[in-house]
Amino acid sequence: MHGFSSHTFSLIHAQGELYFVKWHIKTKQVIKNLMADLGCEIQG
């Protein structure tokens, strides 16, 4: 599941410059779906 920060954060680097950031975390997992007939079979 991907994740996104709901708040904006302020970061200051070593030279004192201010940056506003939002985190966007994306997974490397693959989305897999079932075929309709197999889904009905599993559902029971």
PDB file of N, CA and C in Angstrom:
ATOM      1  N   MET A   1       0.843  -1.155   0.000  1.00  0.00           N
ATOM      2  CA  MET A   1       0.000   0.000   0.000  1.00  0.00           C
ATOM      3  C   MET A   1       0.905   1.238   0.000  1.00  0.00           C
ATOM      4  N   HIS A   2       0.587   2.190  -0.847  1.00  0.00           N
ATOM      5  CA  HIS A   2       1.349   3.434  -0.878  1.00  0.00           C
ATOM      6  C   HIS A   2       0.992   4.294   0.327  1.00  0.00           C
ATOM      7  N   GLY A   3       1.901   5.169   0.715  1.00  0.00           N
ATOM      8  CA  GLY A   3       1.661   6.062   1.842  1.00  0.00           C
ATOM      9  C   GLY A   3       1.984   7.497   1.474  1.00  0.00           C
ATOM     10  N   PHE A   4       1.183   8.421   1.956  1.00  0.00           N
ATOM     11  CA  PHE A   4       1.375   9.836   1.694  1.00  0.00           C
ATOM     12  C   PHE A   4       1.180  10.593   2.997  1.00  0.00           C
ATOM     13  N   SER A   5       2.076  11.553   3.263  1.00  0.00           N
ATOM     14  CA  SER A   5       1.933  12.327   4.497  1.00  0.00           C
ATOM     15  C   SER A   5       0.769  13.296   4.356  1.00  0.00           C
ATOM     16  N   SER A   6       0.039  13.485   5.419  1.00  0.00           N
ATOM     17  CA  SER A   6      -1.091  14.407   5.373  1.00  0.00           C
ATOM     18  C   SER A   6      -0.661  15.824   5.744  1.00  0.00           C
ATOM     19  N   HIS A   7       0.510  15.971   6.332  1.00  0.00           N
ATOM     20  CA  HIS A   7       1.006  17.284   6.734  1.00  0.00           C
ATOM     21  C   HIS A   7       2.256  17.631   5.933  1.00  0.00           C
ATOM     22  N   THR A   8       2.527  18.912   5.806  1.00  0.00           N
ATOM     23  CA  THR A   8       3.758  19.384   5.187  1.00  0.00           C
ATOM     24  C   THR A   8       4.774  19.626   6.300  1.00  0.00           C
ATOM     25  N   PHE A   9       5.992  19.160   6.096  1.00  0.00           N
ATOM     26  CA  PHE A   9       7.044  19.299   7.093  1.00  0.00           C
ATOM     27  C   PHE A   9       8.083  20.294   6.596  1.00  0.00           C
ATOM     28  N   SER A  10       8.714  21.012   7.508  1.00  0.00           N
ATOM     29  CA  SER A  10       9.793  21.929   7.118  1.00  0.00           C
ATOM     30  C   SER A  10      11.124  21.291   7.520  1.00  0.00           C
ATOM     31  N   LEU A  11      12.046  21.268   6.576  1.00  0.00           N
ATOM     32  CA  LEU A  11      13.381  20.721   6.814  1.00  0.00           C
ATOM     33  C   LEU A  11      14.416  21.801   6.513  1.00  0.00           C
ATOM     34  N   ILE A  12      15.465  21.844   7.320  1.00  0.00           N
ATOM     35  CA  ILE A  12      16.536  22.817   7.123  1.00  0.00           C
ATOM     36  C   ILE A  12      17.827  22.039   6.930  1.00  0.00           C
ATOM     37  N   HIS A  13      18.541  22.289   5.812  1.00  0.00           N
ATOM     38  CA  HIS A  13      19.790  21.556   5.602  1.00  0.00           C
ATOM     39  C   HIS A  13      20.972  22.313   6.206  1.00  0.00           C
ATOM     40  N   ALA A  14      22.175  21.782   6.070  1.00  0.00           N
ATOM     41  CA  ALA A  14      23.367  22.289   6.765  1.00  0.00           C
ATOM     42  C   ALA A  14      23.674  23.754   6.443  1.00  0.00           C
ATOM     43  N   GLN A  15      23.298  24.232   5.257  1.00  0.00           N
ATOM     44  CA  GLN A  15      23.567  25.627   4.885  1.00  0.00           C
ATOM     45  C   GLN A  15      22.465  26.566   5.391  1.00  0.00           C
ATOM     46  N   GLY A  16      21.477  26.038   6.090  1.00  0.00           N
ATOM     47  CA  GLY A  16      20.440  26.864   6.700  1.00  0.00           C
ATOM     48  C   GLY A  16      19.248  27.170   5.801  1.00  0.00           C
ATOM     49  N   GLU A  17      19.171  26.564   4.623  1.00  0.00           N
ATOM     50  CA  GLU A  17      18.031  26.804   3.733  1.00  0.00           C
ATOM     51  C   GLU A  17      16.842  25.964   4.170  1.00  0.00           C
ATOM     52  N   LEU A  18      15.670  26.558   4.102  1.00  0.00           N
ATOM     53  CA  LEU A  18      14.435  25.921   4.534  1.00  0.00           C
ATOM     54  C   LEU A  18      13.704  25.323   3.337  1.00  0.00           C
ATOM     55  N   TYR A  19      13.238  24.087   3.500  1.00  0.00           N
ATOM     56  CA  TYR A  19      12.467  23.407   2.462  1.00  0.00           C
ATOM     57  C   TYR A  19      11.194  22.857   3.087  1.00  0.00           C
ATOM     58  N   PHE A  20      10.095  22.932   2.361  1.00  0.00           N
ATOM     59  CA  PHE A  20       8.843  22.324   2.786  1.00  0.00           C
ATOM     60  C   PHE A  20       8.661  21.038   1.998  1.00  0.00           C
ATOM     61  N   VAL A  21       8.362  19.943   2.686  1.00  0.00           N
ATOM     62  CA  VAL A  21       8.271  18.641   2.025  1.00  0.00           C
ATOM     63  C   VAL A  21       7.019  17.893   2.461  1.00  0.00           C
ATOM     64  N   LYS A  22       6.558  17.020   1.583  1.00  0.00           N
ATOM     65  CA  LYS A  22       5.521  16.039   1.901  1.00  0.00           C
ATOM     66  C   LYS A  22       6.092  14.688   1.497  1.00  0.00           C
ATOM     67  N   TRP A  23       5.915  13.680   2.340  1.00  0.00           N
ATOM     68  CA  TRP A  23       6.453  12.353   2.063  1.00  0.00           C
ATOM     69  C   TRP A  23       5.492  11.584   1.159  1.00  0.00           C
ATOM     70  N   HIS A  24       6.039  10.960   0.134  1.00  0.00           N
ATOM     71  CA  HIS A  24       5.291  10.067  -0.750  1.00  0.00           C
ATOM     72  C   HIS A  24       6.064   8.754  -0.774  1.00  0.00           C
ATOM     73  N   ILE A  25       5.504   7.739  -0.148  1.00  0.00           N
ATOM     74  CA  ILE A  25       6.173   6.446  -0.033  1.00  0.00           C
ATOM     75  C   ILE A  25       5.446   5.459  -0.936  1.00  0.00           C
ATOM     76  N   LYS A  26       6.157   4.944  -1.921  1.00  0.00           N
ATOM     77  CA  LYS A  26       5.553   4.009  -2.862  1.00  0.00           C
ATOM     78  C   LYS A  26       6.216   2.644  -2.740  1.00  0.00           C
ATOM     79  N   THR A  27       5.409   1.607  -2.677  1.00  0.00           N
ATOM     80  CA  THR A  27       5.925   0.253  -2.529  1.00  0.00           C
ATOM     81  C   THR A  27       6.367  -0.307  -3.883  1.00  0.00           C
ATOM     82  N   LYS A  28       7.131  -1.380  -3.829  1.00  0.00           N
ATOM     83  CA  LYS A  28       7.572  -2.057  -5.044  1.00  0.00           C
ATOM     84  C   LYS A  28       6.753  -3.311  -5.313  1.00  0.00           C
ATOM     85  N   GLN A  29       5.729  -3.544  -4.495  1.00  0.00           N
ATOM     86  CA  GLN A  29       4.944  -4.748  -4.693  1.00  0.00           C
ATOM     87  C   GLN A  29       4.040  -4.591  -5.912  1.00  0.00           C
ATOM     88  N   VAL A  30       3.666  -5.690  -6.488  1.00  0.00           N
ATOM     89  CA  VAL A  30       2.881  -5.721  -7.716  1.00  0.00           C
ATOM     90  C   VAL A  30       1.402  -5.905  -7.376  1.00  0.00           C
ATOM     91  N   ILE A  31       0.536  -5.292  -8.167  1.00  0.00           N
ATOM     92  CA  ILE A  31      -0.901  -5.468  -7.979  1.00  0.00           C
ATOM     93  C   ILE A  31      -1.319  -6.707  -8.766  1.00  0.00           C
ATOM     94  N   LYS A  32      -1.975  -7.644  -8.090  1.00  0.00           N
ATOM     95  CA  LYS A  32      -2.434  -8.865  -8.737  1.00  0.00           C
ATOM     96  C   LYS A  32      -3.940  -9.001  -8.526  1.00  0.00           C
ATOM     97  N   ASN A  33      -4.649  -9.381  -9.560  1.00  0.00           N
ATOM     98  CA  ASN A  33      -6.095  -9.554  -9.488  1.00  0.00           C
ATOM     99  C   ASN A  33      -6.468 -10.979  -9.892  1.00  0.00           C
ATOM    100  N   LEU A  34      -7.625 -11.413  -9.424  1.00  0.00           N
ATOM    101  CA  LEU A  34      -8.145 -12.721  -9.811  1.00  0.00           C
ATOM    102  C   LEU A  34      -9.077 -12.570 -11.003  1.00  0.00           C
ATOM    103  N   MET A  35      -9.169 -13.626 -11.792  1.00  0.00           N
ATOM    104  CA  MET A  35     -10.160 -13.663 -12.863  1.00  0.00           C
ATOM    105  C   MET A  35     -11.536 -13.785 -12.207  1.00  0.00           C
ATOM    106  N   ALA A  36     -12.584 -13.305 -12.853  1.00  0.00           N
ATOM    107  CA  ALA A  36     -13.929 -13.264 -12.264  1.00  0.00           C
ATOM    108  C   ALA A  36     -14.416 -14.638 -11.834  1.00  0.00           C
ATOM    109  N   ASP A  37     -14.192 -15.666 -12.678  1.00  0.00           N
ATOM    110  CA  ASP A  37     -14.689 -17.006 -12.333  1.00  0.00           C
ATOM    111  C   ASP A  37     -13.964 -17.589 -11.118  1.00  0.00           C
ATOM    112  N   LEU A  38     -12.668 -17.354 -11.004  1.00  0.00           N
ATOM    113  CA  LEU A  38     -11.917 -17.843  -9.851  1.00  0.00           C
ATOM    114  C   LEU A  38     -12.344 -17.083  -8.595  1.00  0.00           C
ATOM    115  N   GLY A  39     -12.604 -15.805  -8.706  1.00  0.00           N
ATOM    116  CA  GLY A  39     -13.085 -15.020  -7.564  1.00  0.00           C
ATOM    117  C   GLY A  39     -14.415 -15.543  -7.050  1.00  0.00           C
ATOM    118  N   CYS A  40     -15.321 -15.879  -7.961  1.00  0.00           N
ATOM    119  CA  CYS A  40     -16.626 -16.436  -7.562  1.00  0.00           C
ATOM    120  C   CYS A  40     -16.444 -17.788  -6.880  1.00  0.00           C
ATOM    121  N   GLU A  41     -15.512 -18.596  -7.391  1.00  0.00           N
ATOM    122  CA  GLU A  41     -15.265 -19.909  -6.799  1.00  0.00           C
ATOM    123  C   GLU A  41     -14.709 -19.791  -5.380  1.00  0.00           C
ATOM    124  N   ILE A  42     -13.782 -18.888  -5.192  1.00  0.00           N
ATOM    125  CA  ILE A  42     -13.182 -18.681  -3.863  1.00  0.00           C
ATOM    126  C   ILE A  42     -14.227 -18.128  -2.899  1.00  0.00           C
ATOM    127  N   GLN A  43     -15.070 -17.227  -3.395  1.00  0.00           N
ATOM    128  CA  GLN A  43     -16.101 -16.631  -2.563  1.00  0.00           C
ATOM    129  C   GLN A  43     -17.033 -17.672  -1.979  1.00  0.00           C
ATOM    130  N   GLY A  44     -17.257 -18.696  -2.739  1.00  0.00           N
ATOM    131  CA  GLY A  44     -18.003 -19.833  -2.240  1.00  0.00           C
ATOM    132  C   GLY A  44     -19.461 -19.758  -2.444  1.00  0.00           C
TER     133      GLY A  44
END
